[in-house]
Amino acid sequence: EILEKWYSKVPDDSAEKIQQVKSIFSSLKAAEKTTEQINIY
């Protein structure tokens, strides 16, 4: 819900949005999963 809320808006200053979304990505190991797919292909 938090992630979808951030992706429902385009604020004038995106700094906080970027920080919060990156934090969610990190907690869910999105970078590691992406790297795994990069290596597979």
ModelCIF file with pLDDT and N, C-alpha, C, O atoms, coordinates in Angstrom:
data_MODEL
#
_entry.id   MODEL 
#
_entity.id                         1 
_entity.type                       polymer 
_entity.pdbx_number_of_molecules   1 
#
_entity_poly.entity_id                      1 
_entity_poly.type                           'polypeptide(L)' 
_entity_poly.nstd_linkage                   no 
_entity_poly.nstd_monomer                   no 
_entity_poly.pdbx_seq_one_letter_code       EILEKWYSKVPDDSAEKIQQVKSIFSSLKAAEKTTEQINIY 
_entity_poly.pdbx_seq_one_letter_code_can   EILEKWYSKVPDDSAEKIQQVKSIFSSLKAAEKTTEQINIY 
_entity_poly.pdbx_strand_id                 A 
#
loop_
_entity_poly_seq.entity_id 
_entity_poly_seq.num 
_entity_poly_seq.mon_id 
_entity_poly_seq.hetero 
1 1  GLU n 
1 2  ILE n 
1 3  LEU n 
1 4  GLU n 
1 5  LYS n 
1 6  TRP n 
1 7  TYR n 
1 8  SER n 
1 9  LYS n 
1 10 VAL n 
1 11 PRO n 
1 12 ASP n 
1 13 ASP n 
1 14 SER n 
1 15 ALA n 
1 16 GLU n 
1 17 LYS n 
1 18 ILE n 
1 19 GLN n 
1 20 GLN n 
1 21 VAL n 
1 22 LYS n 
1 23 SER n 
1 24 ILE n 
1 25 PHE n 
1 26 SER n 
1 27 SER n 
1 28 LEU n 
1 29 LYS n 
1 30 ALA n 
1 31 ALA n 
1 32 GLU n 
1 33 LYS n 
1 34 THR n 
1 35 THR n 
1 36 GLU n 
1 37 GLN n 
1 38 ILE n 
1 39 ASN n 
1 40 ILE n 
1 41 TYR n 
#
_struct_asym.id          A 
_struct_asym.entity_id   1 
#
loop_
_ma_qa_metric.id 
_ma_qa_metric.mode 
_ma_qa_metric.name 
_ma_qa_metric.software_group_id 
_ma_qa_metric.type 
1 global pLDDT . pLDDT 
2 local  pLDDT . pLDDT 
#
_ma_qa_metric_global.metric_id      1 
_ma_qa_metric_global.metric_value   95.07 
_ma_qa_metric_global.model_id       1 
_ma_qa_metric_global.ordinal_id     1 
#
loop_
_ma_qa_metric_local.label_asym_id 
_ma_qa_metric_local.label_comp_id 
_ma_qa_metric_local.label_seq_id 
_ma_qa_metric_local.metric_id 
_ma_qa_metric_local.metric_value 
_ma_qa_metric_local.model_id 
_ma_qa_metric_local.ordinal_id 
A GLU 1  2 96.00 1 1  
A ILE 2  2 97.00 1 2  
A LEU 3  2 96.00 1 3  
A GLU 4  2 95.00 1 4  
A LYS 5  2 95.00 1 5  
A TRP 6  2 95.00 1 6  
A TYR 7  2 94.00 1 7  
A SER 8  2 91.00 1 8  
A LYS 9  2 87.00 1 9  
A VAL 10 2 86.00 1 10 
A PRO 11 2 86.00 1 11 
A ASP 12 2 84.00 1 12 
A ASP 13 2 88.00 1 13 
A SER 14 2 90.00 1 14 
A ALA 15 2 93.00 1 15 
A GLU 16 2 95.00 1 16 
A LYS 17 2 95.00 1 17 
A ILE 18 2 95.00 1 18 
A GLN 19 2 95.00 1 19 
A GLN 20 2 96.00 1 20 
A VAL 21 2 97.00 1 21 
A LYS 22 2 97.00 1 22 
A SER 23 2 97.00 1 23 
A ILE 24 2 98.00 1 24 
A PHE 25 2 98.00 1 25 
A SER 26 2 97.00 1 26 
A SER 27 2 98.00 1 27 
A LEU 28 2 98.00 1 28 
A LYS 29 2 98.00 1 29 
A ALA 30 2 98.00 1 30 
A ALA 31 2 97.00 1 31 
A GLU 32 2 98.00 1 32 
A LYS 33 2 98.00 1 33 
A THR 34 2 98.00 1 34 
A THR 35 2 97.00 1 35 
A GLU 36 2 97.00 1 36 
A GLN 37 2 98.00 1 37 
A ILE 38 2 97.00 1 38 
A ASN 39 2 97.00 1 39 
A ILE 40 2 98.00 1 40 
A TYR 41 2 98.00 1 41 
#
loop_
_atom_site.group_PDB 
_atom_site.id 
_atom_site.type_symbol 
_atom_site.label_atom_id 
_atom_site.label_alt_id 
_atom_site.label_comp_id 
_atom_site.label_asym_id 
_atom_site.label_entity_id 
_atom_site.label_seq_id 
_atom_site.pdbx_PDB_ins_code 
_atom_site.Cartn_x 
_atom_site.Cartn_y 
_atom_site.Cartn_z 
_atom_site.occupancy 
_atom_site.B_iso_or_equiv 
_atom_site.pdbx_formal_charge 
_atom_site.auth_seq_id 
_atom_site.auth_comp_id 
_atom_site.auth_asym_id 
_atom_site.auth_atom_id 
_atom_site.pdbx_PDB_model_num 
ATOM 1   N N  . GLU A 1 1  ? 0.831  -1.209  0.000   1.00 96.00 ? 1  GLU A N  1 
ATOM 2   C CA . GLU A 1 1  ? 0.000  0.000   0.000   1.00 96.00 ? 1  GLU A CA 1 
ATOM 3   C C  . GLU A 1 1  ? 0.864  1.256   0.000   1.00 96.00 ? 1  GLU A C  1 
ATOM 4   O O  . GLU A 1 1  ? 0.563  2.219   -0.705  1.00 96.00 ? 1  GLU A O  1 
ATOM 5   N N  . ILE A 1 2  ? 1.932  1.247   0.786   1.00 97.00 ? 2  ILE A N  1 
ATOM 6   C CA . ILE A 1 2  ? 2.839  2.404   0.851   1.00 97.00 ? 2  ILE A CA 1 
ATOM 7   C C  . ILE A 1 2  ? 3.505  2.616   -0.511  1.00 97.00 ? 2  ILE A C  1 
ATOM 8   O O  . ILE A 1 2  ? 3.587  3.743   -1.001  1.00 97.00 ? 2  ILE A O  1 
ATOM 9   N N  . LEU A 1 3  ? 3.973  1.539   -1.107  1.00 96.00 ? 3  LEU A N  1 
ATOM 10  C CA . LEU A 1 3  ? 4.640  1.628   -2.405  1.00 96.00 ? 3  LEU A CA 1 
ATOM 11  C C  . LEU A 1 3  ? 3.683  2.134   -3.479  1.00 96.00 ? 3  LEU A C  1 
ATOM 12  O O  . LEU A 1 3  ? 4.053  2.984   -4.288  1.00 96.00 ? 3  LEU A O  1 
ATOM 13  N N  . GLU A 1 4  ? 2.479  1.627   -3.491  1.00 95.00 ? 4  GLU A N  1 
ATOM 14  C CA . GLU A 1 4  ? 1.486  2.065   -4.479  1.00 95.00 ? 4  GLU A CA 1 
ATOM 15  C C  . GLU A 1 4  ? 1.104  3.524   -4.261  1.00 95.00 ? 4  GLU A C  1 
ATOM 16  O O  . GLU A 1 4  ? 0.831  4.249   -5.217  1.00 95.00 ? 4  GLU A O  1 
ATOM 17  N N  . LYS A 1 5  ? 1.085  3.949   -3.009  1.00 95.00 ? 5  LYS A N  1 
ATOM 18  C CA . LYS A 1 5  ? 0.766  5.350   -2.724  1.00 95.00 ? 5  LYS A CA 1 
ATOM 19  C C  . LYS A 1 5  ? 1.842  6.273   -3.285  1.00 95.00 ? 5  LYS A C  1 
ATOM 20  O O  . LYS A 1 5  ? 1.538  7.300   -3.892  1.00 95.00 ? 5  LYS A O  1 
ATOM 21  N N  . TRP A 1 6  ? 3.114  5.894   -3.074  1.00 95.00 ? 6  TRP A N  1 
ATOM 22  C CA . TRP A 1 6  ? 4.205  6.717   -3.622  1.00 95.00 ? 6  TRP A CA 1 
ATOM 23  C C  . TRP A 1 6  ? 4.139  6.769   -5.149  1.00 95.00 ? 6  TRP A C  1 
ATOM 24  O O  . TRP A 1 6  ? 4.444  7.797   -5.753  1.00 95.00 ? 6  TRP A O  1 
ATOM 25  N N  . TYR A 1 7  ? 3.744  5.665   -5.766  1.00 94.00 ? 7  TYR A N  1 
ATOM 26  C CA . TYR A 1 7  ? 3.684  5.602   -7.234  1.00 94.00 ? 7  TYR A CA 1 
ATOM 27  C C  . TYR A 1 7  ? 2.395  6.191   -7.802  1.00 94.00 ? 7  TYR A C  1 
ATOM 28  O O  . TYR A 1 7  ? 2.164  6.131   -9.009  1.00 94.00 ? 7  TYR A O  1 
ATOM 29  N N  . SER A 1 8  ? 1.566  6.751   -6.946  1.00 91.00 ? 8  SER A N  1 
ATOM 30  C CA . SER A 1 8  ? 0.346  7.399   -7.427  1.00 91.00 ? 8  SER A CA 1 
ATOM 31  C C  . SER A 1 8  ? 0.512  8.915   -7.525  1.00 91.00 ? 8  SER A C  1 
ATOM 32  O O  . SER A 1 8  ? -0.430 9.624   -7.879  1.00 91.00 ? 8  SER A O  1 
ATOM 33  N N  . LYS A 1 9  ? 1.719  9.411   -7.208  1.00 87.00 ? 9  LYS A N  1 
ATOM 34  C CA . LYS A 1 9  ? 1.940  10.856  -7.194  1.00 87.00 ? 9  LYS A CA 1 
ATOM 35  C C  . LYS A 1 9  ? 3.260  11.212  -7.856  1.00 87.00 ? 9  LYS A C  1 
ATOM 36  O O  . LYS A 1 9  ? 4.179  10.396  -7.927  1.00 87.00 ? 9  LYS A O  1 
ATOM 37  N N  . VAL A 1 10 ? 3.338  12.447  -8.340  1.00 86.00 ? 10 VAL A N  1 
ATOM 38  C CA . VAL A 1 10 ? 4.578  12.989  -8.910  1.00 86.00 ? 10 VAL A CA 1 
ATOM 39  C C  . VAL A 1 10 ? 4.842  14.319  -8.217  1.00 86.00 ? 10 VAL A C  1 
ATOM 40  O O  . VAL A 1 10 ? 4.432  15.365  -8.721  1.00 86.00 ? 10 VAL A O  1 
ATOM 41  N N  . PRO A 1 11 ? 5.513  14.301  -7.082  1.00 86.00 ? 11 PRO A N  1 
ATOM 42  C CA . PRO A 1 11 ? 5.751  15.537  -6.322  1.00 86.00 ? 11 PRO A CA 1 
ATOM 43  C C  . PRO A 1 11 ? 6.745  16.453  -7.031  1.00 86.00 ? 11 PRO A C  1 
ATOM 44  O O  . PRO A 1 11 ? 7.561  16.001  -7.834  1.00 86.00 ? 11 PRO A O  1 
ATOM 45  N N  . ASP A 1 12 ? 6.664  17.740  -6.723  1.00 84.00 ? 12 ASP A N  1 
ATOM 46  C CA . ASP A 1 12 ? 7.596  18.707  -7.311  1.00 84.00 ? 12 ASP A CA 1 
ATOM 47  C C  . ASP A 1 12 ? 9.029  18.380  -6.912  1.00 84.00 ? 12 ASP A C  1 
ATOM 48  O O  . ASP A 1 12 ? 9.947  18.472  -7.727  1.00 84.00 ? 12 ASP A O  1 
ATOM 49  N N  . ASP A 1 13 ? 9.213  17.997  -5.653  1.00 88.00 ? 13 ASP A N  1 
ATOM 50  C CA . ASP A 1 13 ? 10.520 17.586  -5.157  1.00 88.00 ? 13 ASP A CA 1 
ATOM 51  C C  . ASP A 1 13 ? 10.453 16.085  -4.861  1.00 88.00 ? 13 ASP A C  1 
ATOM 52  O O  . ASP A 1 13 ? 9.762  15.651  -3.939  1.00 88.00 ? 13 ASP A O  1 
ATOM 53  N N  . SER A 1 14 ? 11.177 15.309  -5.654  1.00 90.00 ? 14 SER A N  1 
ATOM 54  C CA . SER A 1 14 ? 11.083 13.847  -5.554  1.00 90.00 ? 14 SER A CA 1 
ATOM 55  C C  . SER A 1 14 ? 12.069 13.235  -4.559  1.00 90.00 ? 14 SER A C  1 
ATOM 56  O O  . SER A 1 14 ? 12.110 12.014  -4.410  1.00 90.00 ? 14 SER A O  1 
ATOM 57  N N  . ALA A 1 15 ? 12.846 14.045  -3.893  1.00 93.00 ? 15 ALA A N  1 
ATOM 58  C CA . ALA A 1 15 ? 13.917 13.510  -3.044  1.00 93.00 ? 15 ALA A CA 1 
ATOM 59  C C  . ALA A 1 15 ? 13.395 12.534  -2.001  1.00 93.00 ? 15 ALA A C  1 
ATOM 60  O O  . ALA A 1 15 ? 13.936 11.439  -1.847  1.00 93.00 ? 15 ALA A O  1 
ATOM 61  N N  . GLU A 1 16 ? 12.336 12.928  -1.274  1.00 95.00 ? 16 GLU A N  1 
ATOM 62  C CA . GLU A 1 16 ? 11.805 12.044  -0.233  1.00 95.00 ? 16 GLU A CA 1 
ATOM 63  C C  . GLU A 1 16 ? 11.213 10.784  -0.854  1.00 95.00 ? 16 GLU A C  1 
ATOM 64  O O  . GLU A 1 16 ? 11.406 9.684   -0.337  1.00 95.00 ? 16 GLU A O  1 
ATOM 65  N N  . LYS A 1 17 ? 10.494 10.943  -1.958  1.00 95.00 ? 17 LYS A N  1 
ATOM 66  C CA . LYS A 1 17 ? 9.899  9.791   -2.634  1.00 95.00 ? 17 LYS A CA 1 
ATOM 67  C C  . LYS A 1 17 ? 10.976 8.789   -3.033  1.00 95.00 ? 17 LYS A C  1 
ATOM 68  O O  . LYS A 1 17 ? 10.835 7.589   -2.797  1.00 95.00 ? 17 LYS A O  1 
ATOM 69  N N  . ILE A 1 18 ? 12.045 9.284   -3.634  1.00 95.00 ? 18 ILE A N  1 
ATOM 70  C CA . ILE A 1 18 ? 13.134 8.407   -4.074  1.00 95.00 ? 18 ILE A CA 1 
ATOM 71  C C  . ILE A 1 18 ? 13.739 7.682   -2.875  1.00 95.00 ? 18 ILE A C  1 
ATOM 72  O O  . ILE A 1 18 ? 13.987 6.477   -2.927  1.00 95.00 ? 18 ILE A O  1 
ATOM 73  N N  . GLN A 1 19 ? 13.972 8.418   -1.807  1.00 95.00 ? 19 GLN A N  1 
ATOM 74  C CA . GLN A 1 19 ? 14.569 7.820   -0.605  1.00 95.00 ? 19 GLN A CA 1 
ATOM 75  C C  . GLN A 1 19 ? 13.679 6.735   -0.021  1.00 95.00 ? 19 GLN A C  1 
ATOM 76  O O  . GLN A 1 19 ? 14.159 5.657   0.330   1.00 95.00 ? 19 GLN A O  1 
ATOM 77  N N  . GLN A 1 20 ? 12.378 7.015   0.084   1.00 96.00 ? 20 GLN A N  1 
ATOM 78  C CA . GLN A 1 20 ? 11.453 6.051   0.693   1.00 96.00 ? 20 GLN A CA 1 
ATOM 79  C C  . GLN A 1 20 ? 11.278 4.807   -0.179  1.00 96.00 ? 20 GLN A C  1 
ATOM 80  O O  . GLN A 1 20 ? 11.249 3.685   0.327   1.00 96.00 ? 20 GLN A O  1 
ATOM 81  N N  . VAL A 1 21 ? 11.164 5.015   -1.481  1.00 97.00 ? 21 VAL A N  1 
ATOM 82  C CA . VAL A 1 21 ? 10.980 3.872   -2.383  1.00 97.00 ? 21 VAL A CA 1 
ATOM 83  C C  . VAL A 1 21 ? 12.248 3.022   -2.435  1.00 97.00 ? 21 VAL A C  1 
ATOM 84  O O  . VAL A 1 21 ? 12.173 1.793   -2.438  1.00 97.00 ? 21 VAL A O  1 
ATOM 85  N N  . LYS A 1 22 ? 13.408 3.673   -2.477  1.00 97.00 ? 22 LYS A N  1 
ATOM 86  C CA . LYS A 1 22 ? 14.664 2.917   -2.461  1.00 97.00 ? 22 LYS A CA 1 
ATOM 87  C C  . LYS A 1 22 ? 14.772 2.084   -1.184  1.00 97.00 ? 22 LYS A C  1 
ATOM 88  O O  . LYS A 1 22 ? 15.276 0.962   -1.212  1.00 97.00 ? 22 LYS A O  1 
ATOM 89  N N  . SER A 1 23 ? 14.309 2.624   -0.089  1.00 97.00 ? 23 SER A N  1 
ATOM 90  C CA . SER A 1 23 ? 14.345 1.893   1.178   1.00 97.00 ? 23 SER A CA 1 
ATOM 91  C C  . SER A 1 23 ? 13.483 0.629   1.099   1.00 97.00 ? 23 SER A C  1 
ATOM 92  O O  . SER A 1 23 ? 13.872 -0.435  1.581   1.00 97.00 ? 23 SER A O  1 
ATOM 93  N N  . ILE A 1 24 ? 12.314 0.768   0.484   1.00 98.00 ? 24 ILE A N  1 
ATOM 94  C CA . ILE A 1 24 ? 11.443 -0.399  0.312   1.00 98.00 ? 24 ILE A CA 1 
ATOM 95  C C  . ILE A 1 24 ? 12.102 -1.422  -0.611  1.00 98.00 ? 24 ILE A C  1 
ATOM 96  O O  . ILE A 1 24 ? 12.118 -2.617  -0.317  1.00 98.00 ? 24 ILE A O  1 
ATOM 97  N N  . PHE A 1 25 ? 12.646 -0.942  -1.731  1.00 98.00 ? 25 PHE A N  1 
ATOM 98  C CA . PHE A 1 25 ? 13.342 -1.837  -2.654  1.00 98.00 ? 25 PHE A CA 1 
ATOM 99  C C  . PHE A 1 25 ? 14.455 -2.607  -1.933  1.00 98.00 ? 25 PHE A C  1 
ATOM 100 O O  . PHE A 1 25 ? 14.623 -3.812  -2.125  1.00 98.00 ? 25 PHE A O  1 
ATOM 101 N N  . SER A 1 26 ? 15.202 -1.888  -1.109  1.00 97.00 ? 26 SER A N  1 
ATOM 102 C CA . SER A 1 26 ? 16.323 -2.519  -0.404  1.00 97.00 ? 26 SER A CA 1 
ATOM 103 C C  . SER A 1 26 ? 15.834 -3.576  0.580   1.00 97.00 ? 26 SER A C  1 
ATOM 104 O O  . SER A 1 26 ? 16.412 -4.658  0.680   1.00 97.00 ? 26 SER A O  1 
ATOM 105 N N  . SER A 1 27 ? 14.768 -3.251  1.304   1.00 98.00 ? 27 SER A N  1 
ATOM 106 C CA . SER A 1 27 ? 14.253 -4.193  2.303   1.00 98.00 ? 27 SER A CA 1 
ATOM 107 C C  . SER A 1 27 ? 13.734 -5.474  1.673   1.00 98.00 ? 27 SER A C  1 
ATOM 108 O O  . SER A 1 27 ? 13.718 -6.528  2.309   1.00 98.00 ? 27 SER A O  1 
ATOM 109 N N  . LEU A 1 28 ? 13.308 -5.376  0.413   1.00 98.00 ? 28 LEU A N  1 
ATOM 110 C CA . LEU A 1 28 ? 12.761 -6.544  -0.295  1.00 98.00 ? 28 LEU A CA 1 
ATOM 111 C C  . LEU A 1 28 ? 13.779 -7.169  -1.239  1.00 98.00 ? 28 LEU A C  1 
ATOM 112 O O  . LEU A 1 28 ? 13.445 -8.026  -2.058  1.00 98.00 ? 28 LEU A O  1 
ATOM 113 N N  . LYS A 1 29 ? 15.038 -6.722  -1.108  1.00 98.00 ? 29 LYS A N  1 
ATOM 114 C CA . LYS A 1 29 ? 16.143 -7.272  -1.905  1.00 98.00 ? 29 LYS A CA 1 
ATOM 115 C C  . LYS A 1 29 ? 15.886 -7.212  -3.409  1.00 98.00 ? 29 LYS A C  1 
ATOM 116 O O  . LYS A 1 29 ? 16.214 -8.137  -4.152  1.00 98.00 ? 29 LYS A O  1 
ATOM 117 N N  . ALA A 1 30 ? 15.290 -6.099  -3.835  1.00 98.00 ? 30 ALA A N  1 
ATOM 118 C CA . ALA A 1 30 ? 14.985 -5.933  -5.253  1.00 98.00 ? 30 ALA A CA 1 
ATOM 119 C C  . ALA A 1 30 ? 16.244 -5.824  -6.095  1.00 98.00 ? 30 ALA A C  1 
ATOM 120 O O  . ALA A 1 30 ? 16.289 -6.327  -7.218  1.00 98.00 ? 30 ALA A O  1 
ATOM 121 N N  . ALA A 1 31 ? 17.276 -5.164  -5.555  1.00 97.00 ? 31 ALA A N  1 
ATOM 122 C CA . ALA A 1 31 ? 18.528 -5.024  -6.309  1.00 97.00 ? 31 ALA A CA 1 
ATOM 123 C C  . ALA A 1 31 ? 19.187 -6.381  -6.514  1.00 97.00 ? 31 ALA A C  1 
ATOM 124 O O  . ALA A 1 31 ? 19.691 -6.679  -7.596  1.00 97.00 ? 31 ALA A O  1 
ATOM 125 N N  . GLU A 1 32 ? 19.180 -7.205  -5.457  1.00 98.00 ? 32 GLU A N  1 
ATOM 126 C CA . GLU A 1 32 ? 19.783 -8.533  -5.566  1.00 98.00 ? 32 GLU A CA 1 
ATOM 127 C C  . GLU A 1 32 ? 19.032 -9.395  -6.578  1.00 98.00 ? 32 GLU A C  1 
ATOM 128 O O  . GLU A 1 32 ? 19.648 -10.129 -7.351  1.00 98.00 ? 32 GLU A O  1 
ATOM 129 N N  . LYS A 1 33 ? 17.703 -9.306  -6.574  1.00 98.00 ? 33 LYS A N  1 
ATOM 130 C CA . LYS A 1 33 ? 16.903 -10.090 -7.507  1.00 98.00 ? 33 LYS A CA 1 
ATOM 131 C C  . LYS A 1 33 ? 17.138 -9.618  -8.945  1.00 98.00 ? 33 LYS A C  1 
ATOM 132 O O  . LYS A 1 33 ? 17.194 -10.427 -9.871  1.00 98.00 ? 33 LYS A O  1 
ATOM 133 N N  . THR A 1 34 ? 17.275 -8.305  -9.118  1.00 98.00 ? 34 THR A N  1 
ATOM 134 C CA . THR A 1 34 ? 17.552 -7.771  -10.449 1.00 98.00 ? 34 THR A CA 1 
ATOM 135 C C  . THR A 1 34 ? 18.919 -8.243  -10.928 1.00 98.00 ? 34 THR A C  1 
ATOM 136 O O  . THR A 1 34 ? 19.071 -8.648  -12.081 1.00 98.00 ? 34 THR A O  1 
ATOM 137 N N  . THR A 1 35 ? 19.904 -8.191  -10.051 1.00 97.00 ? 35 THR A N  1 
ATOM 138 C CA . THR A 1 35 ? 21.250 -8.659  -10.403 1.00 97.00 ? 35 THR A CA 1 
ATOM 139 C C  . THR A 1 35 ? 21.231 -10.137 -10.781 1.00 97.00 ? 35 THR A C  1 
ATOM 140 O O  . THR A 1 35 ? 21.943 -10.558 -11.693 1.00 97.00 ? 35 THR A O  1 
ATOM 141 N N  . GLU A 1 36 ? 20.435 -10.903 -10.095 1.00 97.00 ? 36 GLU A N  1 
ATOM 142 C CA . GLU A 1 36 ? 20.297 -12.330 -10.421 1.00 97.00 ? 36 GLU A CA 1 
ATOM 143 C C  . GLU A 1 36 ? 19.781 -12.509 -11.847 1.00 97.00 ? 36 GLU A C  1 
ATOM 144 O O  . GLU A 1 36 ? 20.293 -13.338 -12.599 1.00 97.00 ? 36 GLU A O  1 
ATOM 145 N N  . GLN A 1 37 ? 18.772 -11.732 -12.211 1.00 98.00 ? 37 GLN A N  1 
ATOM 146 C CA . GLN A 1 37 ? 18.222 -11.819 -13.567 1.00 98.00 ? 37 GLN A CA 1 
ATOM 147 C C  . GLN A 1 37 ? 19.220 -11.316 -14.616 1.00 98.00 ? 37 GLN A C  1 
ATOM 148 O O  . GLN A 1 37 ? 19.328 -11.884 -15.703 1.00 98.00 ? 37 GLN A O  1 
ATOM 149 N N  . ILE A 1 38 ? 19.938 -10.256 -14.282 1.00 97.00 ? 38 ILE A N  1 
ATOM 150 C CA . ILE A 1 38 ? 20.978 -9.746  -15.187 1.00 97.00 ? 38 ILE A CA 1 
ATOM 151 C C  . ILE A 1 38 ? 21.963 -10.858 -15.523 1.00 97.00 ? 38 ILE A C  1 
ATOM 152 O O  . ILE A 1 38 ? 22.317 -11.064 -16.684 1.00 97.00 ? 38 ILE A O  1 
ATOM 153 N N  . ASN A 1 39 ? 22.394 -11.565 -14.498 1.00 97.00 ? 39 ASN A N  1 
ATOM 154 C CA . ASN A 1 39 ? 23.382 -12.626 -14.688 1.00 97.00 ? 39 ASN A CA 1 
ATOM 155 C C  . ASN A 1 39 ? 22.807 -13.812 -15.460 1.00 97.00 ? 39 ASN A C  1 
ATOM 156 O O  . ASN A 1 39 ? 23.512 -14.435 -16.254 1.00 97.00 ? 39 ASN A O  1 
ATOM 157 N N  . ILE A 1 40 ? 21.531 -14.126 -15.232 1.00 98.00 ? 40 ILE A N  1 
ATOM 158 C CA . ILE A 1 40 ? 20.892 -15.230 -15.958 1.00 98.00 ? 40 ILE A CA 1 
ATOM 159 C C  . ILE A 1 40 ? 20.900 -14.955 -17.462 1.00 98.00 ? 40 ILE A C  1 
ATOM 160 O O  . ILE A 1 40 ? 21.280 -15.814 -18.257 1.00 98.00 ? 40 ILE A O  1 
ATOM 161 N N  . TYR A 1 41 ? 20.475 -13.745 -17.843 1.00 98.00 ? 41 TYR A N  1 
ATOM 162 C CA . TYR A 1 41 ? 20.415 -13.424 -19.274 1.00 98.00 ? 41 TYR A CA 1 
ATOM 163 C C  . TYR A 1 41 ? 21.804 -13.237 -19.868 1.00 98.00 ? 41 TYR A C  1 
ATOM 164 O O  . TYR A 1 41 ? 21.933 -12.963 -21.061 1.00 98.00 ? 41 TYR A O  1 
#
